[in-house]
Amino acid sequence: MIWGSARDSLLIALLAIAVDALVGDPARLPHPVVGIGKLISRLERLLLRTGLPPAALRARGTALALTVTVVSGGLAWAAVALAASVHPWLGIAANVWLVSTTMAVKGLKQAAWRVYVPLKQGNLAEAREQVGWIVGRDTDDLSEKEVTRAAVETVAENTVDAFVSPLFFALLGGAPLAMLYRAANTLDSMVGYRNDKYRYFGWASARLDDALNWLPARAAGWLLALAAAARKGASAAAARRAVRRFAKLHPSPNSGIPESAVAGALGVELGGTNRYGGVPSERARMGWPTRELRADDIADAVGMLYGVRYWIAGGLLCAWLAGWR
């Protein structure tokens, strides 16, 4: 922990969860993640050159990853330190706001709902357009089932990326470590691809994101099972069995855990063939389908995400209250 007591960290985490739940990502306020994205884009233009050998590209990509994460975490540290020098409670307030910007539970729900509502209304074209904003695969020709799968997989995966992981690092080191994690995750989403352009340049960003998500993803598998236990029609036992059976088949060492947990809990199949730039890519199929995917599975996935938030918030509140002397 960078500063303050463990109880302060619990309070900051709880308040950050509340801010994200109530406010989300206000469109009119500056968002640190937007700044991180701009920094990545500018450094990429400076460092990425065609024709360089793989070793040089990896070295430049490593420099990119280190620079962005250190600058992001350092600026968060400076902002909180400056606020705390004025008044300790102002430092806590800065910590809370910055940590809340590394989470996106409310924003993820809103994005999923923009897909779910058109599907329920029979407007497949609008649902395809909306899901295209939250996934990297081609969406123009997706069926209703495939649109649903894309949205459910995104909600499941981002249960880790948009909530469990940033909160984990916030508990360890407040806003600086949470922002460092968010920078690594943003790097992965922008350059961490195994295509011709980024295979070597994005290698360090992808590996760093994998390493930082390793523990939170495994915790999320258990948390999603707990969320399933409290949700009608979902199975906690099947969620855990699916993680043991299918998670290792996913190309990512982490994403398969939340996706297989949700697939098992809901009794559906996730994974399959995606297209990227017209090129098909076969992903591991996860879950034991008892039925076809349907639009309501998007709502169920969001419900499990919120269940994870309730379990974590409840645990943090109990720990904070237990800290009274």
Protein backbone atom coordinates (compact mmCIF):
# COMPACT_ATOMS: atom_id res chain seq x y z
CA MET A 1 0.00 0.00 0.00
CA ILE A 2 1.48 3.35 -1.00
CA TRP A 3 0.13 5.42 1.88
CA GLY A 4 -2.57 5.50 4.51
CA SER A 5 -3.92 2.64 6.55
CA ALA A 6 -5.54 -0.55 5.33
CA ARG A 7 -8.82 0.87 6.59
CA ASP A 8 -8.32 3.96 4.42
CA SER A 9 -7.84 1.69 1.41
CA LEU A 10 -11.09 -0.11 2.20
CA LEU A 11 -12.92 3.22 2.49
CA ILE A 12 -11.46 4.49 -0.79
CA ALA A 13 -12.46 1.28 -2.57
CA LEU A 14 -16.00 1.39 -1.19
CA LEU A 15 -16.50 5.04 -2.10
CA ALA A 16 -15.03 4.48 -5.58
CA ILE A 17 -17.52 1.65 -6.16
CA ALA A 18 -20.32 3.99 -5.08
CA VAL A 19 -19.11 6.79 -7.38
CA ASP A 20 -18.98 4.44 -10.36
CA ALA A 21 -22.44 3.09 -9.50
CA LEU A 22 -23.99 6.54 -9.21
CA VAL A 23 -22.05 8.61 -11.72
CA GLY A 24 -20.34 6.27 -14.17
CA ASP A 25 -18.32 8.15 -16.78
CA PRO A 26 -19.66 11.74 -16.98
CA ALA A 27 -19.37 12.92 -20.59
CA ARG A 28 -18.47 16.49 -19.62
CA LEU A 29 -15.65 15.70 -17.20
CA PRO A 30 -12.08 14.91 -18.31
CA HIS A 31 -11.40 11.18 -18.09
CA PRO A 32 -7.88 9.90 -17.34
CA VAL A 33 -8.34 6.87 -19.60
CA VAL A 34 -8.93 9.19 -22.57
CA GLY A 35 -5.60 10.85 -21.78
CA ILE A 36 -3.91 7.45 -21.53
CA GLY A 37 -5.28 6.53 -24.95
CA LYS A 38 -3.95 9.75 -26.48
CA LEU A 39 -0.52 9.16 -24.93
CA ILE A 40 -0.42 5.64 -26.37
CA SER A 41 -1.39 6.88 -29.84
CA ARG A 42 1.29 9.58 -29.84
CA LEU A 43 4.04 7.27 -28.62
CA GLU A 44 3.00 4.61 -31.12
CA ARG A 45 3.40 7.10 -33.97
CA LEU A 46 6.86 7.91 -32.63
CA LEU A 47 8.07 4.36 -31.98
CA LEU A 48 6.40 2.04 -34.48
CA ARG A 49 8.24 1.81 -37.78
CA THR A 50 7.72 -0.69 -40.59
CA GLY A 51 10.67 -2.78 -41.67
CA LEU A 52 12.28 -3.09 -38.24
CA PRO A 53 13.37 -6.57 -37.10
CA PRO A 54 11.26 -8.35 -34.45
CA ALA A 55 13.80 -7.70 -31.67
CA ALA A 56 13.76 -3.97 -32.31
CA LEU A 57 9.97 -3.89 -32.43
CA ARG A 58 9.77 -5.77 -29.12
CA ALA A 59 12.24 -3.36 -27.55
CA ARG A 60 10.28 -0.35 -28.73
CA GLY A 61 7.00 -1.94 -27.63
CA THR A 62 8.48 -2.62 -24.20
CA ALA A 63 9.55 1.02 -23.98
CA LEU A 64 6.00 2.03 -24.87
CA ALA A 65 4.47 -0.19 -22.18
CA LEU A 66 6.89 0.96 -19.48
CA THR A 67 6.55 4.64 -20.35
CA VAL A 68 2.74 4.66 -20.41
CA THR A 69 2.30 2.67 -17.19
CA VAL A 70 4.93 4.61 -15.23
CA VAL A 71 3.65 7.99 -16.43
CA SER A 72 0.03 7.06 -15.70
CA GLY A 73 0.75 5.73 -12.23
CA GLY A 74 3.13 8.59 -11.51
CA LEU A 75 0.66 11.29 -12.47
CA ALA A 76 -2.02 9.67 -10.28
CA TRP A 77 0.47 9.56 -7.41
CA ALA A 78 1.33 13.24 -7.89
CA ALA A 79 -2.34 14.26 -8.07
CA VAL A 80 -3.22 12.44 -4.85
CA ALA A 81 -0.08 13.67 -3.06
CA LEU A 82 -0.83 17.26 -4.05
CA ALA A 83 -4.43 16.97 -2.85
CA ALA A 84 -3.34 15.31 0.40
CA SER A 85 -0.85 18.12 1.07
CA VAL A 86 -3.78 20.53 1.17
CA HIS A 87 -5.89 18.31 3.45
CA PRO A 88 -5.93 14.56 4.14
CA TRP A 89 -9.61 14.28 3.23
CA LEU A 90 -8.93 16.02 -0.06
CA GLY A 91 -6.31 13.36 -0.75
CA ILE A 92 -8.89 10.66 -0.05
CA ALA A 93 -11.37 12.42 -2.35
CA ALA A 94 -8.79 12.54 -5.17
CA ASN A 95 -8.00 8.89 -4.58
CA VAL A 96 -11.68 7.96 -4.71
CA TRP A 97 -12.36 9.85 -7.94
CA LEU A 98 -9.28 8.52 -9.72
CA VAL A 99 -9.98 4.92 -8.65
CA SER A 100 -13.60 5.26 -9.81
CA THR A 101 -12.39 6.23 -13.29
CA THR A 102 -10.51 2.94 -13.57
CA MET A 103 -13.80 1.04 -13.12
CA ALA A 104 -16.62 0.89 -15.65
CA VAL A 105 -19.44 -1.22 -14.24
CA LYS A 106 -22.14 1.33 -14.95
CA GLY A 107 -20.67 2.13 -18.36
CA LEU A 108 -20.49 -1.57 -19.21
CA LYS A 109 -24.13 -2.06 -18.26
CA GLN A 110 -25.13 0.93 -20.39
CA ALA A 111 -23.18 -0.42 -23.38
CA ALA A 112 -24.76 -3.86 -22.97
CA TRP A 113 -28.23 -2.33 -22.70
CA ARG A 114 -27.70 -0.48 -25.97
CA VAL A 115 -27.38 -3.92 -27.56
CA TYR A 116 -30.04 -5.67 -25.49
CA VAL A 117 -32.90 -3.20 -26.05
CA PRO A 118 -32.76 -3.24 -29.90
CA LEU A 119 -32.54 -7.04 -29.85
CA LYS A 120 -35.65 -7.25 -27.70
CA GLN A 121 -37.39 -4.86 -30.09
CA GLY A 122 -36.41 -6.94 -33.12
CA ASN A 123 -34.05 -4.28 -34.49
CA LEU A 124 -31.09 -6.48 -35.41
CA ALA A 125 -29.37 -3.80 -37.51
CA GLU A 126 -29.21 -1.40 -34.55
CA ALA A 127 -28.02 -4.18 -32.24
CA ARG A 128 -25.23 -5.04 -34.69
CA GLU A 129 -24.15 -1.42 -34.82
CA GLN A 130 -24.13 -1.06 -31.04
CA VAL A 131 -22.26 -4.30 -30.37
CA GLY A 132 -19.67 -3.14 -32.89
CA TRP A 133 -18.70 -0.39 -30.43
CA ILE A 134 -17.72 -2.87 -27.72
CA VAL A 135 -16.13 -5.77 -29.61
CA GLY A 136 -13.29 -6.02 -32.11
CA ARG A 137 -14.84 -8.67 -34.37
CA ASP A 138 -16.77 -7.97 -37.58
CA THR A 139 -20.43 -7.36 -36.73
CA ASP A 140 -22.16 -6.40 -40.00
CA ASP A 141 -23.51 -9.89 -40.71
CA LEU A 142 -23.99 -11.29 -37.21
CA SER A 143 -27.18 -13.18 -36.42
CA GLU A 144 -29.21 -12.40 -33.30
CA LYS A 145 -27.55 -15.32 -31.54
CA GLU A 146 -24.07 -14.10 -32.53
CA VAL A 147 -24.81 -10.54 -31.42
CA THR A 148 -25.97 -11.92 -28.08
CA ARG A 149 -22.84 -14.04 -27.77
CA ALA A 150 -20.60 -11.06 -28.49
CA ALA A 151 -22.31 -8.94 -25.84
CA VAL A 152 -22.31 -11.70 -23.21
CA GLU A 153 -18.63 -12.49 -23.80
CA THR A 154 -17.75 -8.80 -23.49
CA VAL A 155 -19.65 -8.38 -20.22
CA ALA A 156 -18.07 -11.56 -18.83
CA GLU A 157 -14.51 -10.61 -19.80
CA ASN A 158 -14.90 -7.06 -18.54
CA THR A 159 -16.09 -8.27 -15.16
CA VAL A 160 -12.35 -8.68 -14.65
CA ASP A 161 -10.96 -5.80 -16.72
CA ALA A 162 -13.50 -3.15 -15.72
CA PHE A 163 -14.04 -4.05 -12.08
CA VAL A 164 -12.22 -6.85 -10.26
CA SER A 165 -8.71 -6.01 -11.47
CA PRO A 166 -8.75 -2.23 -10.95
CA LEU A 167 -10.30 -2.73 -7.52
CA PHE A 168 -7.64 -5.32 -6.64
CA PHE A 169 -4.86 -2.86 -7.45
CA ALA A 170 -6.66 0.01 -5.74
CA LEU A 171 -6.68 -2.04 -2.53
CA LEU A 172 -2.95 -2.68 -2.92
CA GLY A 173 -1.88 0.86 -3.73
CA GLY A 174 -4.75 3.28 -4.18
CA ALA A 175 -5.18 5.36 -7.31
CA PRO A 176 -1.55 5.08 -8.52
CA LEU A 177 -1.61 1.29 -8.85
CA ALA A 178 -5.20 1.25 -10.12
CA MET A 179 -4.25 3.76 -12.81
CA LEU A 180 -1.12 1.80 -13.68
CA TYR A 181 -3.34 -1.24 -14.21
CA ARG A 182 -5.79 0.74 -16.32
CA ALA A 183 -2.91 1.99 -18.47
CA ALA A 184 -1.70 -1.60 -19.02
CA ASN A 185 -5.21 -2.73 -19.92
CA THR A 186 -5.64 0.18 -22.34
CA LEU A 187 -2.30 -0.66 -23.95
CA ASP A 188 -3.47 -4.23 -24.49
CA SER A 189 -6.73 -3.06 -26.04
CA MET A 190 -4.91 -0.74 -28.45
CA VAL A 191 -1.72 -2.59 -29.43
CA GLY A 192 -1.89 -6.05 -27.87
CA TYR A 193 -2.94 -7.89 -31.02
CA ARG A 194 -1.33 -10.90 -32.70
CA ASN A 195 -1.63 -9.48 -36.19
CA ASP A 196 1.07 -8.42 -38.64
CA LYS A 197 1.20 -4.86 -37.32
CA TYR A 198 1.36 -5.50 -33.59
CA ARG A 199 2.65 -9.06 -33.19
CA TYR A 200 6.05 -7.90 -31.90
CA PHE A 201 5.41 -4.24 -31.05
CA GLY A 202 2.43 -5.13 -28.84
CA TRP A 203 4.02 -8.18 -27.25
CA ALA A 204 5.07 -6.46 -24.01
CA SER A 205 1.69 -4.76 -23.59
CA ALA A 206 -0.19 -8.04 -24.03
CA ARG A 207 2.09 -9.95 -21.63
CA LEU A 208 1.91 -7.19 -19.01
CA ASP A 209 -1.90 -7.20 -19.13
CA ASP A 210 -1.92 -11.00 -18.82
CA ALA A 211 0.35 -10.85 -15.76
CA LEU A 212 -1.64 -8.13 -13.99
CA ASN A 213 -4.96 -9.88 -14.59
CA TRP A 214 -3.78 -13.34 -13.51
CA LEU A 215 -4.90 -13.25 -9.86
CA PRO A 216 -8.00 -11.05 -10.33
CA ALA A 217 -9.29 -13.29 -13.14
CA ARG A 218 -9.10 -16.36 -10.93
CA ALA A 219 -10.82 -14.54 -8.08
CA ALA A 220 -13.50 -13.46 -10.56
CA GLY A 221 -14.20 -17.10 -11.41
CA TRP A 222 -15.21 -17.75 -7.80
CA LEU A 223 -17.06 -14.44 -7.50
CA LEU A 224 -19.12 -15.18 -10.62
CA ALA A 225 -20.05 -18.54 -9.13
CA LEU A 226 -21.22 -16.74 -5.98
CA ALA A 227 -23.21 -14.34 -8.15
CA ALA A 228 -24.77 -17.30 -9.97
CA ALA A 229 -25.76 -18.88 -6.65
CA ALA A 230 -27.84 -15.82 -5.86
CA ARG A 231 -29.44 -15.59 -9.32
CA LYS A 232 -32.56 -17.50 -10.32
CA GLY A 233 -31.94 -19.96 -13.14
CA ALA A 234 -28.14 -19.83 -12.84
CA SER A 235 -25.93 -22.58 -11.46
CA ALA A 236 -22.92 -21.89 -9.26
CA ALA A 237 -21.76 -25.51 -9.48
CA ALA A 238 -21.90 -25.51 -13.28
CA ALA A 239 -19.99 -22.21 -13.34
CA ARG A 240 -17.11 -23.76 -11.38
CA ARG A 241 -17.14 -26.98 -13.43
CA ALA A 242 -17.04 -24.96 -16.64
CA VAL A 243 -14.03 -22.96 -15.44
CA ARG A 244 -12.14 -26.18 -14.68
CA ARG A 245 -13.11 -27.74 -18.01
CA PHE A 246 -13.00 -24.90 -20.53
CA ALA A 247 -10.97 -21.91 -19.28
CA LYS A 248 -7.65 -23.45 -20.31
CA LEU A 249 -8.88 -23.82 -23.89
CA HIS A 250 -9.18 -20.06 -24.38
CA PRO A 251 -6.24 -18.34 -26.15
CA SER A 252 -6.03 -15.87 -23.26
CA PRO A 253 -4.76 -17.18 -19.91
CA ASN A 254 -7.38 -15.05 -18.15
CA SER A 255 -10.40 -14.30 -20.36
CA GLY A 256 -11.49 -17.92 -20.49
CA ILE A 257 -12.19 -17.92 -16.75
CA PRO A 258 -15.02 -15.35 -16.61
CA GLU A 259 -16.39 -16.40 -20.00
CA SER A 260 -16.55 -20.08 -19.10
CA ALA A 261 -18.01 -19.25 -15.67
CA VAL A 262 -20.86 -17.29 -17.26
CA ALA A 263 -21.41 -19.96 -19.93
CA GLY A 264 -21.61 -22.69 -17.31
CA ALA A 265 -23.82 -20.69 -14.98
CA LEU A 266 -26.36 -19.84 -17.69
CA GLY A 267 -26.27 -23.21 -19.48
CA VAL A 268 -25.23 -21.70 -22.82
CA GLU A 269 -22.30 -22.02 -25.18
CA LEU A 270 -19.85 -19.16 -25.68
CA GLY A 271 -16.96 -19.05 -28.10
CA GLY A 272 -16.96 -20.22 -31.70
CA THR A 273 -16.10 -18.55 -34.98
CA ASN A 274 -15.43 -14.81 -35.08
CA ARG A 275 -14.31 -12.77 -38.07
CA TYR A 276 -11.71 -10.03 -37.90
CA GLY A 277 -11.29 -8.00 -41.07
CA GLY A 278 -13.08 -10.77 -42.94
CA VAL A 279 -10.68 -13.45 -41.68
CA PRO A 280 -12.35 -16.22 -39.62
CA SER A 281 -10.89 -17.06 -36.23
CA GLU A 282 -12.07 -20.11 -34.30
CA ARG A 283 -12.27 -19.68 -30.53
CA ALA A 284 -12.73 -22.46 -28.00
CA ARG A 285 -16.35 -23.33 -27.36
CA MET A 286 -17.16 -23.09 -23.67
CA GLY A 287 -20.08 -24.43 -21.68
CA TRP A 288 -22.59 -27.28 -21.94
CA PRO A 289 -25.51 -25.70 -23.83
CA THR A 290 -28.94 -26.69 -22.59
CA ARG A 291 -30.54 -24.17 -24.96
CA GLU A 292 -29.77 -21.56 -27.61
CA LEU A 293 -28.49 -18.13 -26.68
CA ARG A 294 -31.21 -15.49 -26.40
CA ALA A 295 -31.23 -11.74 -25.85
CA ASP A 296 -32.13 -12.12 -22.16
CA ASP A 297 -28.73 -13.72 -21.60
CA ILE A 298 -27.24 -10.24 -21.95
CA ALA A 299 -29.34 -9.09 -19.01
CA ASP A 300 -28.33 -12.20 -17.06
CA ALA A 301 -24.63 -11.54 -17.71
CA VAL A 302 -25.05 -7.97 -16.50
CA GLY A 303 -26.91 -9.30 -13.48
CA MET A 304 -23.97 -11.57 -12.65
CA LEU A 305 -21.57 -8.62 -13.03
CA TYR A 306 -23.67 -6.67 -10.56
CA GLY A 307 -23.77 -9.70 -8.29
CA VAL A 308 -19.97 -9.69 -8.20
CA ARG A 309 -20.06 -6.02 -7.27
CA TYR A 310 -22.53 -6.67 -4.44
CA TRP A 311 -20.43 -9.51 -3.02
CA ILE A 312 -17.25 -7.44 -3.14
CA ALA A 313 -18.86 -4.30 -1.73
CA GLY A 314 -20.44 -6.31 1.06
CA GLY A 315 -17.14 -7.93 1.93
CA LEU A 316 -15.29 -4.62 1.91
CA LEU A 317 -17.95 -2.99 4.08
CA CYS A 318 -17.74 -5.82 6.63
CA ALA A 319 -13.95 -5.54 6.70
CA TRP A 320 -14.14 -1.75 7.10
CA LEU A 321 -16.65 -1.98 9.94
CA ALA A 322 -14.53 -4.64 11.62
CA GLY A 323 -11.68 -2.11 11.68
CA TRP A 324 -13.39 0.04 14.30
CA ARG A 325 -11.60 -0.04 17.64
